[in-house]
Amino acid sequence: MRELLEAFSGEGGKHLAPVLFFVVAGLTWIALTFINRWYKHRQAEIDAALKHEMLQRGMSADDIERILAAGPPKKAESSSANHET
């Protein structure tokens, strides 16, 4: 660790800082790309499992399409529905 700090404080530190910045930026970009791809893959798995379960329950393709197009309830709709009952 001491050698790293001495490298930054010396004459070579002027050139090492931008390199270190771009290395960290590159690694961050790679990590964010990986997380984004993993999230999309996981979401596709969840959607497929939901459709499979609906088919196992005997729902028709039209019913599944209608339910998925409706989407999840909005917060305002679900909270107002709770207050009406």
N, C-alpha and C. Protein backbone atom coordinates (compact mmCIF):
# COMPACT_ATOMS: atom_id res chain seq x y z
N MET A 1 0.83 -1.19 0.00
CA MET A 1 0.00 0.00 0.00
C MET A 1 0.87 1.25 0.00
N ARG A 2 1.96 1.20 0.76
CA ARG A 2 2.86 2.35 0.84
C ARG A 2 3.46 2.64 -0.54
N GLU A 3 3.79 1.57 -1.28
CA GLU A 3 4.38 1.77 -2.61
C GLU A 3 3.39 2.46 -3.54
N LEU A 4 2.13 2.11 -3.42
CA LEU A 4 1.11 2.72 -4.25
C LEU A 4 0.97 4.20 -3.93
N LEU A 5 0.96 4.54 -2.65
CA LEU A 5 0.88 5.95 -2.27
C LEU A 5 2.11 6.73 -2.72
N GLU A 6 3.29 6.12 -2.63
CA GLU A 6 4.50 6.78 -3.09
C GLU A 6 4.49 6.97 -4.60
N ALA A 7 3.90 6.02 -5.33
CA ALA A 7 3.82 6.15 -6.79
C ALA A 7 2.94 7.33 -7.18
N PHE A 8 1.86 7.58 -6.42
CA PHE A 8 1.00 8.72 -6.72
C PHE A 8 1.66 10.03 -6.34
N SER A 9 2.46 10.04 -5.30
CA SER A 9 3.06 11.29 -4.84
C SER A 9 4.27 11.67 -5.67
N GLY A 10 4.88 10.73 -6.37
CA GLY A 10 6.06 11.01 -7.17
C GLY A 10 5.69 11.61 -8.52
N GLU A 11 6.72 11.74 -9.37
CA GLU A 11 6.55 12.31 -10.71
C GLU A 11 5.65 11.42 -11.58
N GLY A 12 5.72 10.12 -11.40
CA GLY A 12 4.90 9.21 -12.19
C GLY A 12 3.43 9.25 -11.81
N GLY A 13 3.10 9.81 -10.67
CA GLY A 13 1.73 9.89 -10.21
C GLY A 13 0.85 10.73 -11.10
N LYS A 14 1.45 11.68 -11.77
CA LYS A 14 0.68 12.53 -12.68
C LYS A 14 0.08 11.71 -13.82
N HIS A 15 0.79 10.68 -14.23
CA HIS A 15 0.33 9.87 -15.35
C HIS A 15 -0.45 8.64 -14.87
N LEU A 16 -0.26 8.28 -13.62
CA LEU A 16 -0.92 7.09 -13.09
C LEU A 16 -2.37 7.36 -12.71
N ALA A 17 -2.68 8.56 -12.27
CA ALA A 17 -4.04 8.89 -11.85
C ALA A 17 -5.06 8.76 -12.98
N PRO A 18 -4.81 9.29 -14.17
CA PRO A 18 -5.80 9.11 -15.25
C PRO A 18 -5.97 7.64 -15.65
N VAL A 19 -4.89 6.88 -15.62
CA VAL A 19 -4.97 5.46 -15.96
C VAL A 19 -5.84 4.74 -14.93
N LEU A 20 -5.61 5.04 -13.66
CA LEU A 20 -6.41 4.44 -12.60
C LEU A 20 -7.88 4.82 -12.72
N PHE A 21 -8.13 6.08 -13.08
CA PHE A 21 -9.51 6.53 -13.27
C PHE A 21 -10.20 5.72 -14.36
N PHE A 22 -9.53 5.54 -15.49
CA PHE A 22 -10.16 4.81 -16.60
C PHE A 22 -10.30 3.33 -16.30
N VAL A 23 -9.40 2.76 -15.52
CA VAL A 23 -9.54 1.37 -15.12
C VAL A 23 -10.77 1.20 -14.23
N VAL A 24 -10.92 2.09 -13.25
CA VAL A 24 -12.09 2.02 -12.36
C VAL A 24 -13.37 2.27 -13.15
N ALA A 25 -13.36 3.23 -14.05
CA ALA A 25 -14.55 3.51 -14.87
C ALA A 25 -14.90 2.30 -15.74
N GLY A 26 -13.90 1.64 -16.31
CA GLY A 26 -14.14 0.47 -17.14
C GLY A 26 -14.71 -0.69 -16.34
N LEU A 27 -14.15 -0.92 -15.17
CA LEU A 27 -14.66 -2.00 -14.32
C LEU A 27 -16.09 -1.71 -13.86
N THR A 28 -16.38 -0.45 -13.57
CA THR A 28 -17.73 -0.07 -13.18
C THR A 28 -18.70 -0.31 -14.33
N TRP A 29 -18.31 0.06 -15.54
CA TRP A 29 -19.15 -0.15 -16.72
C TRP A 29 -19.42 -1.64 -16.93
N ILE A 30 -18.38 -2.46 -16.79
CA ILE A 30 -18.55 -3.91 -16.95
C ILE A 30 -19.51 -4.46 -15.90
N ALA A 31 -19.36 -4.01 -14.66
CA ALA A 31 -20.23 -4.49 -13.58
C ALA A 31 -21.68 -4.08 -13.83
N LEU A 32 -21.90 -2.84 -14.23
CA LEU A 32 -23.27 -2.38 -14.48
C LEU A 32 -23.89 -3.10 -15.67
N THR A 33 -23.11 -3.37 -16.69
CA THR A 33 -23.61 -4.12 -17.84
C THR A 33 -24.01 -5.53 -17.42
N PHE A 34 -23.17 -6.19 -16.61
CA PHE A 34 -23.48 -7.52 -16.12
C PHE A 34 -24.75 -7.52 -15.29
N ILE A 35 -24.91 -6.56 -14.39
CA ILE A 35 -26.10 -6.48 -13.54
C ILE A 35 -27.35 -6.26 -14.39
N ASN A 36 -27.25 -5.40 -15.40
CA ASN A 36 -28.39 -5.13 -16.27
C ASN A 36 -28.80 -6.38 -17.04
N ARG A 37 -27.82 -7.11 -17.58
CA ARG A 37 -28.13 -8.34 -18.32
C ARG A 37 -28.74 -9.38 -17.38
N TRP A 38 -28.19 -9.52 -16.18
CA TRP A 38 -28.71 -10.49 -15.21
C TRP A 38 -30.15 -10.15 -14.85
N TYR A 39 -30.44 -8.85 -14.64
CA TYR A 39 -31.79 -8.43 -14.29
C TYR A 39 -32.78 -8.78 -15.40
N LYS A 40 -32.41 -8.49 -16.64
CA LYS A 40 -33.30 -8.80 -17.77
C LYS A 40 -33.52 -10.30 -17.89
N HIS A 41 -32.47 -11.08 -17.71
CA HIS A 41 -32.59 -12.54 -17.78
C HIS A 41 -33.50 -13.05 -16.67
N ARG A 42 -33.32 -12.55 -15.47
CA ARG A 42 -34.14 -12.99 -14.32
C ARG A 42 -35.60 -12.60 -14.53
N GLN A 43 -35.85 -11.40 -15.08
CA GLN A 43 -37.22 -10.97 -15.34
C GLN A 43 -37.88 -11.87 -16.37
N ALA A 44 -37.13 -12.28 -17.39
CA ALA A 44 -37.68 -13.19 -18.40
C ALA A 44 -38.00 -14.55 -17.79
N GLU A 45 -37.17 -15.03 -16.86
CA GLU A 45 -37.46 -16.29 -16.17
C GLU A 45 -38.74 -16.19 -15.35
N ILE A 46 -38.92 -15.08 -14.66
CA ILE A 46 -40.12 -14.88 -13.83
C ILE A 46 -41.36 -14.82 -14.72
N ASP A 47 -41.28 -14.09 -15.84
CA ASP A 47 -42.41 -14.00 -16.76
C ASP A 47 -42.77 -15.37 -17.33
N ALA A 48 -41.75 -16.15 -17.69
CA ALA A 48 -42.01 -17.48 -18.24
C ALA A 48 -42.65 -18.39 -17.19
N ALA A 49 -42.18 -18.31 -15.96
CA ALA A 49 -42.76 -19.13 -14.89
C ALA A 49 -44.22 -18.74 -14.64
N LEU A 50 -44.51 -17.46 -14.68
CA LEU A 50 -45.89 -17.01 -14.49
C LEU A 50 -46.79 -17.53 -15.60
N LYS A 51 -46.35 -17.41 -16.84
CA LYS A 51 -47.14 -17.90 -17.96
C LYS A 51 -47.33 -19.41 -17.88
N HIS A 52 -46.28 -20.12 -17.48
CA HIS A 52 -46.38 -21.58 -17.34
C HIS A 52 -47.41 -21.95 -16.27
N GLU A 53 -47.38 -21.23 -15.16
CA GLU A 53 -48.33 -21.51 -14.08
C GLU A 53 -49.77 -21.22 -14.53
N MET A 54 -49.95 -20.15 -15.28
CA MET A 54 -51.30 -19.82 -15.78
C MET A 54 -51.79 -20.92 -16.73
N LEU A 55 -50.89 -21.42 -17.58
CA LEU A 55 -51.28 -22.51 -18.47
C LEU A 55 -51.61 -23.78 -17.69
N GLN A 56 -50.85 -24.06 -16.64
CA GLN A 56 -51.12 -25.24 -15.81
C GLN A 56 -52.47 -25.13 -15.11
N ARG A 57 -52.92 -23.94 -14.84
CA ARG A 57 -54.22 -23.73 -14.20
C ARG A 57 -55.36 -23.79 -15.20
N GLY A 58 -55.03 -23.95 -16.48
CA GLY A 58 -56.06 -24.11 -17.50
C GLY A 58 -56.54 -22.81 -18.12
N MET A 59 -55.81 -21.74 -17.95
CA MET A 59 -56.23 -20.46 -18.54
C MET A 59 -55.94 -20.48 -20.04
N SER A 60 -56.78 -19.80 -20.79
CA SER A 60 -56.57 -19.74 -22.23
C SER A 60 -55.52 -18.68 -22.55
N ALA A 61 -55.01 -18.74 -23.77
CA ALA A 61 -54.00 -17.77 -24.20
C ALA A 61 -54.57 -16.35 -24.19
N ASP A 62 -55.85 -16.21 -24.55
CA ASP A 62 -56.48 -14.89 -24.53
C ASP A 62 -56.58 -14.34 -23.10
N ASP A 63 -56.91 -15.21 -22.15
CA ASP A 63 -56.98 -14.78 -20.75
C ASP A 63 -55.61 -14.33 -20.25
N ILE A 64 -54.58 -15.10 -20.58
CA ILE A 64 -53.22 -14.76 -20.14
C ILE A 64 -52.79 -13.44 -20.75
N GLU A 65 -53.07 -13.26 -22.03
CA GLU A 65 -52.69 -12.01 -22.71
C GLU A 65 -53.40 -10.82 -22.08
N ARG A 66 -54.69 -10.98 -21.77
CA ARG A 66 -55.46 -9.89 -21.17
C ARG A 66 -54.92 -9.53 -19.78
N ILE A 67 -54.59 -10.54 -19.00
CA ILE A 67 -54.09 -10.30 -17.64
C ILE A 67 -52.72 -9.62 -17.69
N LEU A 68 -51.84 -10.10 -18.56
CA LEU A 68 -50.51 -9.50 -18.65
C LEU A 68 -50.55 -8.08 -19.20
N ALA A 69 -51.50 -7.81 -20.10
CA ALA A 69 -51.62 -6.46 -20.65
C ALA A 69 -52.13 -5.49 -19.59
N ALA A 70 -52.92 -5.98 -18.65
CA ALA A 70 -53.44 -5.11 -17.60
C ALA A 70 -52.32 -4.65 -16.68
N GLY A 71 -51.33 -5.50 -16.44
CA GLY A 71 -50.20 -5.15 -15.59
C GLY A 71 -50.56 -5.13 -14.12
N PRO A 72 -49.57 -4.81 -13.29
CA PRO A 72 -49.82 -4.77 -11.84
C PRO A 72 -50.66 -3.55 -11.47
N PRO A 73 -51.40 -3.62 -10.39
CA PRO A 73 -52.22 -2.48 -9.99
C PRO A 73 -51.34 -1.30 -9.57
N LYS A 74 -51.80 -0.11 -9.86
CA LYS A 74 -51.09 1.11 -9.47
C LYS A 74 -51.28 1.34 -7.98
N LYS A 75 -50.36 2.05 -7.34
CA LYS A 75 -50.48 2.31 -5.90
C LYS A 75 -51.73 3.10 -5.57
N ALA A 76 -52.05 4.11 -6.37
CA ALA A 76 -53.22 4.95 -6.11
C ALA A 76 -54.50 4.12 -6.22
N GLU A 77 -54.55 3.23 -7.23
CA GLU A 77 -55.74 2.41 -7.42
C GLU A 77 -55.90 1.42 -6.27
N SER A 78 -54.81 0.78 -5.86
CA SER A 78 -54.92 -0.23 -4.82
C SER A 78 -55.23 0.42 -3.47
N SER A 79 -54.69 1.59 -3.18
CA SER A 79 -54.98 2.23 -1.89
C SER A 79 -56.39 2.79 -1.88
N SER A 80 -56.88 3.31 -3.00
CA SER A 80 -58.26 3.82 -3.03
C SER A 80 -59.26 2.67 -2.97
N ALA A 81 -58.90 1.51 -3.54
CA ALA A 81 -59.79 0.37 -3.49
C ALA A 81 -59.90 -0.15 -2.06
N ASN A 82 -58.82 -0.04 -1.29
CA ASN A 82 -58.84 -0.48 0.10
C ASN A 82 -59.71 0.44 0.96
N HIS A 83 -59.76 1.71 0.63
CA HIS A 83 -60.52 2.65 1.44
C HIS A 83 -62.01 2.60 1.14
N GLU A 84 -62.39 2.11 -0.05
CA GLU A 84 -63.81 2.06 -0.42
C GLU A 84 -64.54 0.93 0.28
N THR A 85 -63.84 -0.11 0.66
CA THR A 85 -64.52 -1.26 1.27
C THR A 85 -64.81 -1.08 2.72
